[in-house]
């Protein structure tokens, strides 16, 4: 039998370096010496005959295109080995699902609950992040699927469209526009704007305003939908959102009012993304099909 040239420990060191962004940071996480991590990376790169990382002075390391591909495979190999060796494992299939932080509370719990009712043996691990994080996690194999907004994601990802949603305005219920139902964005943004500042979301909302000839005054920026809604409810500014929230009160109990926007606006597209692989795990394919059906109903 031919010996396996790479050990699981070396694979652990390579994965840790990719996640930490440097050999020094990986060594601290693993509680080993930095040369041990560097030596493991060199050993794996020597085996493949190609670099896994680009080294930049003062900037740490980043995976090469080849490295990103192999990291996904190494993660999968590591997970399979752990599953085989784990004597407490019940045999349940596992799926790692990434969710964009503003979409997660609105859709992920219901999707997970519904799917596990039909597939009770499945175990789903949830990973929340912004679009840049989710893209990186898909590329390096940390997650199997991501529920995201499609803001022109890298072409290497496979995208399954789920729904197009129009952005809307948000005001406090006592705001003079609250009784209108529908307003033009220019009228809404005469007030200061509470702006979502997550990567891509920020540019999306500012571009919508600029396309309609508006340069909004920004009162505050936040990465939290609930913070935005609470600031609007407390008359600190008005909001622009795409995430559909059923409640008409903010988390502090103060009321808000959703306003439809009369302008021609580019919608948000909700989608599932995954890294391209020649073979899709049955559990991943089943969950993807379930999500598509759930959004069609």
C-alpha atoms as a PDB file:
ATOM      1  CA  UNK A   1       0.000   0.000   0.000  1.00  0.00           C
ATOM      2  CA  UNK A   2       1.357   3.387  -0.984  1.00  0.00           C
ATOM      3  CA  UNK A   3       1.977   5.715   1.959  1.00  0.00           C
ATOM      4  CA  UNK A   4      -0.029   8.951   2.224  1.00  0.00           C
ATOM      5  CA  UNK A   5       2.514  11.781   1.738  1.00  0.00           C
ATOM      6  CA  UNK A   6       0.688  14.434   3.777  1.00  0.00           C
ATOM      7  CA  UNK A   7      -0.358  14.097   7.413  1.00  0.00           C
ATOM      8  CA  UNK A   8      -3.597  15.390   8.945  1.00  0.00           C
ATOM      9  CA  UNK A   9      -1.529  17.612  11.222  1.00  0.00           C
ATOM     10  CA  UNK A  10       0.094  19.267   8.204  1.00  0.00           C
ATOM     11  CA  UNK A  11      -3.343  19.742   6.670  1.00  0.00           C
ATOM     12  CA  UNK A  12      -4.526  21.348   9.933  1.00  0.00           C
ATOM     13  CA  UNK A  13      -1.588  23.760   9.822  1.00  0.00           C
ATOM     14  CA  UNK A  14      -2.287  24.742   6.201  1.00  0.00           C
ATOM     15  CA  UNK A  15      -5.994  25.332   6.892  1.00  0.00           C
ATOM     16  CA  UNK A  16      -5.225  27.328  10.032  1.00  0.00           C
ATOM     17  CA  UNK A  17      -2.781  29.535   8.111  1.00  0.00           C
ATOM     18  CA  UNK A  18      -5.403  30.215   5.441  1.00  0.00           C
ATOM     19  CA  UNK A  19      -8.003  31.168   8.049  1.00  0.00           C
ATOM     20  CA  UNK A  20      -5.656  33.263  10.189  1.00  0.00           C
ATOM     21  CA  UNK A  21      -3.972  35.058   7.284  1.00  0.00           C
ATOM     22  CA  UNK A  22      -0.422  34.490   8.506  1.00  0.00           C
ATOM     23  CA  UNK A  23       1.797  31.720   9.807  1.00  0.00           C
ATOM     24  CA  UNK A  24       2.372  33.636  13.048  1.00  0.00           C
ATOM     25  CA  UNK A  25      -1.352  33.973  13.736  1.00  0.00           C
ATOM     26  CA  UNK A  26      -1.923  30.309  12.847  1.00  0.00           C
ATOM     27  CA  UNK A  27       0.855  29.274  15.238  1.00  0.00           C
ATOM     28  CA  UNK A  28      -0.824  31.208  18.064  1.00  0.00           C
ATOM     29  CA  UNK A  29      -4.171  29.554  17.356  1.00  0.00           C
ATOM     30  CA  UNK A  30      -2.609  26.097  17.208  1.00  0.00           C
ATOM     31  CA  UNK A  31      -0.258  26.750  20.134  1.00  0.00           C
ATOM     32  CA  UNK A  32       2.777  25.634  18.139  1.00  0.00           C
ATOM     33  CA  UNK A  33       5.860  27.398  16.816  1.00  0.00           C
ATOM     34  CA  UNK A  34       5.709  29.503  13.667  1.00  0.00           C
ATOM     35  CA  UNK A  35       8.452  27.436  11.957  1.00  0.00           C
ATOM     36  CA  UNK A  36       6.272  24.331  12.443  1.00  0.00           C
ATOM     37  CA  UNK A  37       3.475  25.982  10.469  1.00  0.00           C
ATOM     38  CA  UNK A  38       5.839  27.269   7.780  1.00  0.00           C
ATOM     39  CA  UNK A  39       7.437  23.834   7.441  1.00  0.00           C
ATOM     40  CA  UNK A  40       4.038  22.146   7.054  1.00  0.00           C
ATOM     41  CA  UNK A  41       3.038  24.595   4.317  1.00  0.00           C
ATOM     42  CA  UNK A  42       6.337  24.059   2.538  1.00  0.00           C
ATOM     43  CA  UNK A  43       5.874  20.280   2.741  1.00  0.00           C
ATOM     44  CA  UNK A  44       2.380  20.433   1.231  1.00  0.00           C
ATOM     45  CA  UNK A  45       3.469  22.894  -1.472  1.00  0.00           C
ATOM     46  CA  UNK A  46       6.422  20.664  -2.305  1.00  0.00           C
ATOM     47  CA  UNK A  47       4.057  17.725  -2.695  1.00  0.00           C
ATOM     48  CA  UNK A  48       1.795  19.609  -5.094  1.00  0.00           C
ATOM     49  CA  UNK A  49       4.690  21.292  -6.868  1.00  0.00           C
ATOM     50  CA  UNK A  50       2.833  24.628  -6.802  1.00  0.00           C
ATOM     51  CA  UNK A  51       2.442  27.411  -4.216  1.00  0.00           C
ATOM     52  CA  UNK A  52      -0.682  27.439  -2.078  1.00  0.00           C
ATOM     53  CA  UNK A  53      -0.125  30.984  -0.820  1.00  0.00           C
ATOM     54  CA  UNK A  54       1.207  34.344  -1.925  1.00  0.00           C
ATOM     55  CA  UNK A  55       3.510  35.880   0.689  1.00  0.00           C
ATOM     56  CA  UNK A  56       3.551  39.665   1.065  1.00  0.00           C
ATOM     57  CA  UNK A  57       5.906  41.483   3.418  1.00  0.00           C
ATOM     58  CA  UNK A  58       3.848  42.892   6.258  1.00  0.00           C
ATOM     59  CA  UNK A  59       0.623  41.625   4.677  1.00  0.00           C
ATOM     60  CA  UNK A  60       0.664  37.966   5.695  1.00  0.00           C
ATOM     61  CA  UNK A  61      -0.401  35.273   3.252  1.00  0.00           C
ATOM     62  CA  UNK A  62      -3.330  34.850   0.866  1.00  0.00           C
ATOM     63  CA  UNK A  63      -4.280  31.716  -1.090  1.00  0.00           C
ATOM     64  CA  UNK A  64      -3.350  31.518  -4.757  1.00  0.00           C
ATOM     65  CA  UNK A  65      -6.095  30.420  -7.163  1.00  0.00           C
ATOM     66  CA  UNK A  66      -4.620  26.913  -7.009  1.00  0.00           C
ATOM     67  CA  UNK A  67      -4.400  27.204  -3.234  1.00  0.00           C
ATOM     68  CA  UNK A  68      -8.054  28.184  -2.881  1.00  0.00           C
ATOM     69  CA  UNK A  69      -9.035  25.145  -4.927  1.00  0.00           C
ATOM     70  CA  UNK A  70      -6.853  22.776  -2.906  1.00  0.00           C
ATOM     71  CA  UNK A  71      -7.940  24.292   0.420  1.00  0.00           C
ATOM     72  CA  UNK A  72     -11.514  23.331  -0.350  1.00  0.00           C
ATOM     73  CA  UNK A  73     -10.424  19.778  -1.074  1.00  0.00           C
ATOM     74  CA  UNK A  74      -8.209  19.650   2.037  1.00  0.00           C
ATOM     75  CA  UNK A  75     -11.064  20.870   4.232  1.00  0.00           C
ATOM     76  CA  UNK A  76     -13.314  18.195   2.797  1.00  0.00           C
ATOM     77  CA  UNK A  77     -10.636  15.544   3.364  1.00  0.00           C
ATOM     78  CA  UNK A  78     -10.123  16.766   6.939  1.00  0.00           C
ATOM     79  CA  UNK A  79     -13.872  16.641   7.629  1.00  0.00           C
ATOM     80  CA  UNK A  80     -14.152  13.121   6.221  1.00  0.00           C
ATOM     81  CA  UNK A  81     -11.238  11.931   8.328  1.00  0.00           C
ATOM     82  CA  UNK A  82     -12.773  13.491  11.446  1.00  0.00           C
ATOM     83  CA  UNK A  83     -16.102  11.827  10.698  1.00  0.00           C
ATOM     84  CA  UNK A  84     -14.474   8.419  10.230  1.00  0.00           C
ATOM     85  CA  UNK A  85     -12.423   8.721  13.425  1.00  0.00           C
ATOM     86  CA  UNK A  86     -15.150  10.224  15.616  1.00  0.00           C
ATOM     87  CA  UNK A  87     -16.507   7.322  17.680  1.00  0.00           C
ATOM     88  CA  UNK A  88     -19.360   9.524  18.965  1.00  0.00           C
ATOM     89  CA  UNK A  89     -20.610  10.427  15.489  1.00  0.00           C
ATOM     90  CA  UNK A  90     -24.211   9.374  14.971  1.00  0.00           C
ATOM     91  CA  UNK A  91     -23.742   9.076  11.234  1.00  0.00           C
ATOM     92  CA  UNK A  92     -25.829  12.192  10.569  1.00  0.00           C
ATOM     93  CA  UNK A  93     -25.052  14.047   7.381  1.00  0.00           C
ATOM     94  CA  UNK A  94     -23.739  17.586   7.831  1.00  0.00           C
ATOM     95  CA  UNK A  95     -24.191  20.710   5.743  1.00  0.00           C
ATOM     96  CA  UNK A  96     -22.462  24.030   6.372  1.00  0.00           C
ATOM     97  CA  UNK A  97     -24.740  26.902   5.372  1.00  0.00           C
ATOM     98  CA  UNK A  98     -23.511  30.474   5.102  1.00  0.00           C
ATOM     99  CA  UNK A  99     -26.012  33.311   5.359  1.00  0.00           C
ATOM    100  CA  UNK A 100     -25.650  37.011   4.651  1.00  0.00           C
ATOM    101  CA  UNK A 101     -26.118  38.695   7.998  1.00  0.00           C
ATOM    102  CA  UNK A 102     -29.170  40.784   7.040  1.00  0.00           C
ATOM    103  CA  UNK A 103     -30.896  37.874   5.264  1.00  0.00           C
ATOM    104  CA  UNK A 104     -30.219  35.311   7.967  1.00  0.00           C
ATOM    105  CA  UNK A 105     -32.923  36.131  10.548  1.00  0.00           C
ATOM    106  CA  UNK A 106     -35.548  36.627   7.849  1.00  0.00           C
ATOM    107  CA  UNK A 107     -35.118  33.327   6.014  1.00  0.00           C
ATOM    108  CA  UNK A 108     -32.560  30.909   7.497  1.00  0.00           C
ATOM    109  CA  UNK A 109     -34.437  29.645  10.606  1.00  0.00           C
ATOM    110  CA  UNK A 110     -37.592  28.764   8.649  1.00  0.00           C
ATOM    111  CA  UNK A 111     -35.589  27.101   5.865  1.00  0.00           C
ATOM    112  CA  UNK A 112     -33.534  25.041   8.327  1.00  0.00           C
ATOM    113  CA  UNK A 113     -36.587  24.023  10.348  1.00  0.00           C
ATOM    114  CA  UNK A 114     -38.590  23.082   7.260  1.00  0.00           C
ATOM    115  CA  UNK A 115     -35.775  21.068   5.733  1.00  0.00           C
ATOM    116  CA  UNK A 116     -35.021  19.190   8.948  1.00  0.00           C
ATOM    117  CA  UNK A 117     -38.675  18.214   9.185  1.00  0.00           C
ATOM    118  CA  UNK A 118     -38.327  16.454   5.828  1.00  0.00           C
ATOM    119  CA  UNK A 119     -34.757  15.238   6.471  1.00  0.00           C
ATOM    120  CA  UNK A 120     -34.495  14.748  10.255  1.00  0.00           C
ATOM    121  CA  UNK A 121     -31.105  13.037  10.059  1.00  0.00           C
ATOM    122  CA  UNK A 122     -29.461  16.121   8.539  1.00  0.00           C
ATOM    123  CA  UNK A 123     -27.353  18.449  10.677  1.00  0.00           C
ATOM    124  CA  UNK A 124     -26.950  22.029   9.463  1.00  0.00           C
ATOM    125  CA  UNK A 125     -24.226  24.312  10.747  1.00  0.00           C
ATOM    126  CA  UNK A 126     -24.902  28.016  10.334  1.00  0.00           C
ATOM    127  CA  UNK A 127     -22.186  30.541   9.466  1.00  0.00           C
ATOM    128  CA  UNK A 128     -23.118  34.239   9.345  1.00  0.00           C
ATOM    129  CA  UNK A 129     -21.021  36.794   7.502  1.00  0.00           C
ATOM    130  CA  UNK A 130     -20.902  39.583   4.978  1.00  0.00           C
ATOM    131  CA  UNK A 131     -20.654  38.910   1.243  1.00  0.00           C
ATOM    132  CA  UNK A 132     -16.866  39.046   1.130  1.00  0.00           C
ATOM    133  CA  UNK A 133     -16.579  36.542   3.968  1.00  0.00           C
ATOM    134  CA  UNK A 134     -19.157  34.204   2.461  1.00  0.00           C
ATOM    135  CA  UNK A 135     -17.431  34.281  -0.925  1.00  0.00           C
ATOM    136  CA  UNK A 136     -14.113  33.467   0.708  1.00  0.00           C
ATOM    137  CA  UNK A 137     -15.656  30.644   2.751  1.00  0.00           C
ATOM    138  CA  UNK A 138     -17.219  29.125  -0.366  1.00  0.00           C
ATOM    139  CA  UNK A 139     -13.919  29.283  -2.206  1.00  0.00           C
ATOM    140  CA  UNK A 140     -11.917  27.646   0.580  1.00  0.00           C
ATOM    141  CA  UNK A 141     -14.550  25.013   1.351  1.00  0.00           C
ATOM    142  CA  UNK A 142     -15.549  26.167   4.830  1.00  0.00           C
ATOM    143  CA  UNK A 143     -19.219  26.280   3.767  1.00  0.00           C
ATOM    144  CA  UNK A 144     -21.200  24.276   1.205  1.00  0.00           C
ATOM    145  CA  UNK A 145     -23.841  26.859   0.282  1.00  0.00           C
ATOM    146  CA  UNK A 146     -24.486  30.534   0.952  1.00  0.00           C
ATOM    147  CA  UNK A 147     -27.790  32.401   1.083  1.00  0.00           C
ATOM    148  CA  UNK A 148     -26.812  35.799  -0.259  1.00  0.00           C
ATOM    149  CA  UNK A 149     -27.740  38.895  -2.208  1.00  0.00           C
ATOM    150  CA  UNK A 150     -26.233  38.594  -5.677  1.00  0.00           C
ATOM    151  CA  UNK A 151     -24.228  41.806  -6.078  1.00  0.00           C
ATOM    152  CA  UNK A 152     -22.185  40.625  -9.053  1.00  0.00           C
ATOM    153  CA  UNK A 153     -20.402  37.832  -7.209  1.00  0.00           C
ATOM    154  CA  UNK A 154     -17.271  36.223  -8.680  1.00  0.00           C
ATOM    155  CA  UNK A 155     -18.041  34.306 -11.869  1.00  0.00           C
ATOM    156  CA  UNK A 156     -16.407  31.167 -10.477  1.00  0.00           C
ATOM    157  CA  UNK A 157     -19.379  30.702  -8.118  1.00  0.00           C
ATOM    158  CA  UNK A 158     -22.532  28.924  -9.275  1.00  0.00           C
ATOM    159  CA  UNK A 159     -25.586  31.083  -8.557  1.00  0.00           C
ATOM    160  CA  UNK A 160     -29.182  29.867  -8.174  1.00  0.00           C
ATOM    161  CA  UNK A 161     -31.584  32.858  -8.243  1.00  0.00           C
ATOM    162  CA  UNK A 162     -34.381  32.679  -5.675  1.00  0.00           C
ATOM    163  CA  UNK A 163     -36.254  36.001  -5.653  1.00  0.00           C
ATOM    164  CA  UNK A 164     -35.973  39.651  -6.657  1.00  0.00           C
ATOM    165  CA  UNK A 165     -36.975  42.116  -3.931  1.00  0.00           C
ATOM    166  CA  UNK A 166     -37.473  45.853  -4.307  1.00  0.00           C
ATOM    167  CA  UNK A 167     -35.888  48.209  -1.803  1.00  0.00           C
ATOM    168  CA  UNK A 168     -38.245  50.296   0.296  1.00  0.00           C
ATOM    169  CA  UNK A 169     -38.175  53.323   2.566  1.00  0.00           C
ATOM    170  CA  UNK A 170     -38.618  53.292   6.318  1.00  0.00           C
ATOM    171  CA  UNK A 171     -39.810  56.148   8.540  1.00  0.00           C
ATOM    172  CA  UNK A 172     -41.077  56.574  12.085  1.00  0.00           C
ATOM    173  CA  UNK A 173     -44.846  56.222  12.289  1.00  0.00           C
ATOM    174  CA  UNK A 174     -45.171  59.871  13.369  1.00  0.00           C
ATOM    175  CA  UNK A 175     -43.117  61.067  10.367  1.00  0.00           C
ATOM    176  CA  UNK A 176     -44.985  63.447   8.002  1.00  0.00           C
ATOM    177  CA  UNK A 177     -44.584  60.942   5.124  1.00  0.00           C
ATOM    178  CA  UNK A 178     -45.870  57.960   7.088  1.00  0.00           C
ATOM    179  CA  UNK A 179     -49.417  58.279   5.805  1.00  0.00           C
ATOM    180  CA  UNK A 180     -48.441  58.360   2.157  1.00  0.00           C
ATOM    181  CA  UNK A 181     -47.838  54.669   1.472  1.00  0.00           C
ATOM    182  CA  UNK A 182     -45.713  55.426  -1.614  1.00  0.00           C
ATOM    183  CA  UNK A 183     -43.111  58.188  -2.003  1.00  0.00           C
ATOM    184  CA  UNK A 184     -40.331  59.186  -4.361  1.00  0.00           C
ATOM    185  CA  UNK A 185     -36.842  58.564  -3.083  1.00  0.00           C
ATOM    186  CA  UNK A 186     -35.961  62.240  -3.516  1.00  0.00           C
ATOM    187  CA  UNK A 187     -38.765  63.185  -1.146  1.00  0.00           C
ATOM    188  CA  UNK A 188     -37.786  60.536   1.404  1.00  0.00           C
ATOM    189  CA  UNK A 189     -34.125  61.560   1.368  1.00  0.00           C
ATOM    190  CA  UNK A 190     -34.731  65.189   2.187  1.00  0.00           C
ATOM    191  CA  UNK A 191     -34.238  63.766   5.695  1.00  0.00           C
ATOM    192  CA  UNK A 192     -30.865  62.374   6.824  1.00  0.00           C
ATOM    193  CA  UNK A 193     -30.298  58.720   5.933  1.00  0.00           C
ATOM    194  CA  UNK A 194     -29.467  55.836   8.269  1.00  0.00           C
ATOM    195  CA  UNK A 195     -27.290  53.801   5.893  1.00  0.00           C
ATOM    196  CA  UNK A 196     -26.533  50.081   5.870  1.00  0.00           C
ATOM    197  CA  UNK A 197     -22.741  49.932   5.711  1.00  0.00           C
ATOM    198  CA  UNK A 198     -22.107  46.246   5.012  1.00  0.00           C
ATOM    199  CA  UNK A 199     -19.792  45.551   2.052  1.00  0.00           C
ATOM    200  CA  UNK A 200     -21.730  45.906  -1.227  1.00  0.00           C
ATOM    201  CA  UNK A 201     -24.970  46.938   0.552  1.00  0.00           C
ATOM    202  CA  UNK A 202     -23.607  50.416   1.214  1.00  0.00           C
ATOM    203  CA  UNK A 203     -22.627  50.933  -2.423  1.00  0.00           C
ATOM    204  CA  UNK A 204     -25.959  49.517  -3.593  1.00  0.00           C
ATOM    205  CA  UNK A 205     -28.080  52.008  -1.646  1.00  0.00           C
ATOM    206  CA  UNK A 206     -25.836  54.976  -2.449  1.00  0.00           C
ATOM    207  CA  UNK A 207     -25.909  54.037  -6.144  1.00  0.00           C
ATOM    208  CA  UNK A 208     -29.708  53.902  -6.078  1.00  0.00           C
ATOM    209  CA  UNK A 209     -29.770  57.426  -4.712  1.00  0.00           C
ATOM    210  CA  UNK A 210     -27.177  58.709  -7.199  1.00  0.00           C
ATOM    211  CA  UNK A 211     -29.051  57.143 -10.136  1.00  0.00           C
ATOM    212  CA  UNK A 212     -32.021  59.279  -9.117  1.00  0.00           C
ATOM    213  CA  UNK A 213     -29.917  62.431  -8.828  1.00  0.00           C
ATOM    214  CA  UNK A 214     -29.778  62.396  -5.037  1.00  0.00           C
ATOM    215  CA  UNK A 215     -26.803  62.861  -2.774  1.00  0.00           C
ATOM    216  CA  UNK A 216     -28.118  61.830   0.631  1.00  0.00           C
ATOM    217  CA  UNK A 217     -27.041  63.329   3.923  1.00  0.00           C
ATOM    218  CA  UNK A 218     -25.898  60.399   6.027  1.00  0.00           C
ATOM    219  CA  UNK A 219     -26.811  60.662   9.701  1.00  0.00           C
ATOM    220  CA  UNK A 220     -25.366  57.303  10.808  1.00  0.00           C
ATOM    221  CA  UNK A 221     -24.112  54.049   9.338  1.00  0.00           C
ATOM    222  CA  UNK A 222     -24.763  50.586  10.760  1.00  0.00           C
ATOM    223  CA  UNK A 223     -24.340  46.949   9.806  1.00  0.00           C
ATOM    224  CA  UNK A 224     -27.463  45.906  11.739  1.00  0.00           C
ATOM    225  CA  UNK A 225     -30.995  45.938  10.342  1.00  0.00           C
ATOM    226  CA  UNK A 226     -32.415  46.194  13.865  1.00  0.00           C
ATOM    227  CA  UNK A 227     -30.151  49.133  14.718  1.00  0.00           C
ATOM    228  CA  UNK A 228     -31.275  50.907  11.541  1.00  0.00           C
ATOM    229  CA  UNK A 229     -34.942  50.278  12.351  1.00  0.00           C
ATOM    230  CA  UNK A 230     -34.534  51.486  15.946  1.00  0.00           C
ATOM    231  CA  UNK A 231     -32.747  54.683  14.862  1.00  0.00           C
ATOM    232  CA  UNK A 232     -35.508  55.378  12.339  1.00  0.00           C
ATOM    233  CA  UNK A 233     -38.183  54.707  14.968  1.00  0.00           C
ATOM    234  CA  UNK A 234     -36.479  57.252  17.218  1.00  0.00           C
ATOM    235  CA  UNK A 235     -36.543  59.982  14.529  1.00  0.00           C
ATOM    236  CA  UNK A 236     -32.765  60.031  13.983  1.00  0.00           C
ATOM    237  CA  UNK A 237     -33.210  59.630  10.229  1.00  0.00           C
ATOM    238  CA  UNK A 238     -35.004  57.661   7.526  1.00  0.00           C
ATOM    239  CA  UNK A 239     -33.943  54.285   6.180  1.00  0.00           C
ATOM    240  CA  UNK A 240     -33.550  52.304   2.973  1.00  0.00           C
ATOM    241  CA  UNK A 241     -33.842  48.528   3.223  1.00  0.00           C
ATOM    242  CA  UNK A 242     -34.398  45.483   1.036  1.00  0.00           C
ATOM    243  CA  UNK A 243     -34.763  42.853   3.761  1.00  0.00           C
ATOM    244  CA  UNK A 244     -38.455  42.190   4.331  1.00  0.00           C
ATOM    245  CA  UNK A 245     -39.225  42.538   8.059  1.00  0.00           C
ATOM    246  CA  UNK A 246     -42.748  41.617   9.149  1.00  0.00           C
ATOM    247  CA  UNK A 247     -42.875  43.628  12.393  1.00  0.00           C
ATOM    248  CA  UNK A 248     -44.059  47.233  12.366  1.00  0.00           C
ATOM    249  CA  UNK A 249     -42.129  48.063  15.539  1.00  0.00           C
ATOM    250  CA  UNK A 250     -38.411  48.327  16.224  1.00  0.00           C
ATOM    251  CA  UNK A 251     -36.763  46.200  18.924  1.00  0.00           C
ATOM    252  CA  UNK A 252     -37.389  48.949  21.510  1.00  0.00           C
ATOM    253  CA  UNK A 253     -41.128  48.833  20.788  1.00  0.00           C
ATOM    254  CA  UNK A 254     -41.353  52.130  18.912  1.00  0.00           C
ATOM    255  CA  UNK A 255     -43.366  51.992  15.655  1.00  0.00           C
ATOM    256  CA  UNK A 256     -42.021  52.314  12.111  1.00  0.00           C
ATOM    257  CA  UNK A 257     -43.772  52.563   8.761  1.00  0.00           C
ATOM    258  CA  UNK A 258     -42.659  50.974   5.511  1.00  0.00           C
ATOM    259  CA  UNK A 259     -43.028  53.106   2.386  1.00  0.00           C
ATOM    260  CA  UNK A 260     -42.950  51.796  -1.167  1.00  0.00           C
ATOM    261  CA  UNK A 261     -40.663  53.767  -3.485  1.00  0.00           C
ATOM    262  CA  UNK A 262     -42.160  55.035  -6.746  1.00  0.00           C
ATOM    263  CA  UNK A 263     -38.810  55.303  -8.557  1.00  0.00           C
ATOM    264  CA  UNK A 264     -37.610  52.705 -11.089  1.00  0.00           C
ATOM    265  CA  UNK A 265     -35.131  50.832  -8.910  1.00  0.00           C
ATOM    266  CA  UNK A 266     -32.741  47.948  -9.461  1.00  0.00           C
ATOM    267  CA  UNK A 267     -33.945  45.126  -7.182  1.00  0.00           C
ATOM    268  CA  UNK A 268     -31.949  43.042  -4.736  1.00  0.00           C
ATOM    269  CA  UNK A 269     -31.630  39.453  -5.962  1.00  0.00           C
ATOM    270  CA  UNK A 270     -31.701  36.772  -3.283  1.00  0.00           C
ATOM    271  CA  UNK A 271     -29.761  33.702  -4.366  1.00  0.00           C
ATOM    272  CA  UNK A 272     -27.964  30.559  -3.296  1.00  0.00           C
ATOM    273  CA  UNK A 273     -24.279  30.374  -4.162  1.00  0.00           C
ATOM    274  CA  UNK A 274     -21.888  27.454  -4.137  1.00  0.00           C
ATOM    275  CA  UNK A 275     -18.406  26.734  -5.366  1.00  0.00           C
ATOM    276  CA  UNK A 276     -18.360  24.685  -8.585  1.00  0.00           C
ATOM    277  CA  UNK A 277     -17.553  21.020  -8.087  1.00  0.00           C
ATOM    278  CA  UNK A 278     -18.047  18.138 -10.511  1.00  0.00           C
ATOM    279  CA  UNK A 279     -20.065  16.259  -7.875  1.00  0.00           C
ATOM    280  CA  UNK A 280     -22.567  17.791  -5.452  1.00  0.00           C
ATOM    281  CA  UNK A 281     -23.051  16.005  -2.150  1.00  0.00           C
ATOM    282  CA  UNK A 282     -26.600  14.553  -1.979  1.00  0.00           C
ATOM    283  CA  UNK A 283     -27.437  16.548   1.157  1.00  0.00           C
ATOM    284  CA  UNK A 284     -26.290  19.797  -0.467  1.00  0.00           C
ATOM    285  CA  UNK A 285     -28.356  19.080  -3.585  1.00  0.00           C
ATOM    286  CA  UNK A 286     -31.406  18.184  -1.492  1.00  0.00           C
ATOM    287  CA  UNK A 287     -31.192  21.366   0.584  1.00  0.00           C
ATOM    288  CA  UNK A 288     -30.701  23.490  -2.529  1.00  0.00           C
ATOM    289  CA  UNK A 289     -33.802  21.966  -4.132  1.00  0.00           C
ATOM    290  CA  UNK A 290     -35.779  22.534  -0.919  1.00  0.00           C
ATOM    291  CA  UNK A 291     -34.802  26.207  -0.763  1.00  0.00           C
ATOM    292  CA  UNK A 292     -35.773  26.761  -4.413  1.00  0.00           C
ATOM    293  CA  UNK A 293     -39.198  25.197  -3.782  1.00  0.00           C
ATOM    294  CA  UNK A 294     -39.659  27.209  -0.572  1.00  0.00           C
ATOM    295  CA  UNK A 295     -39.086  30.498  -2.406  1.00  0.00           C
ATOM    296  CA  UNK A 296     -41.447  29.446  -5.219  1.00  0.00           C
ATOM    297  CA  UNK A 297     -44.367  28.947  -2.819  1.00  0.00           C
END
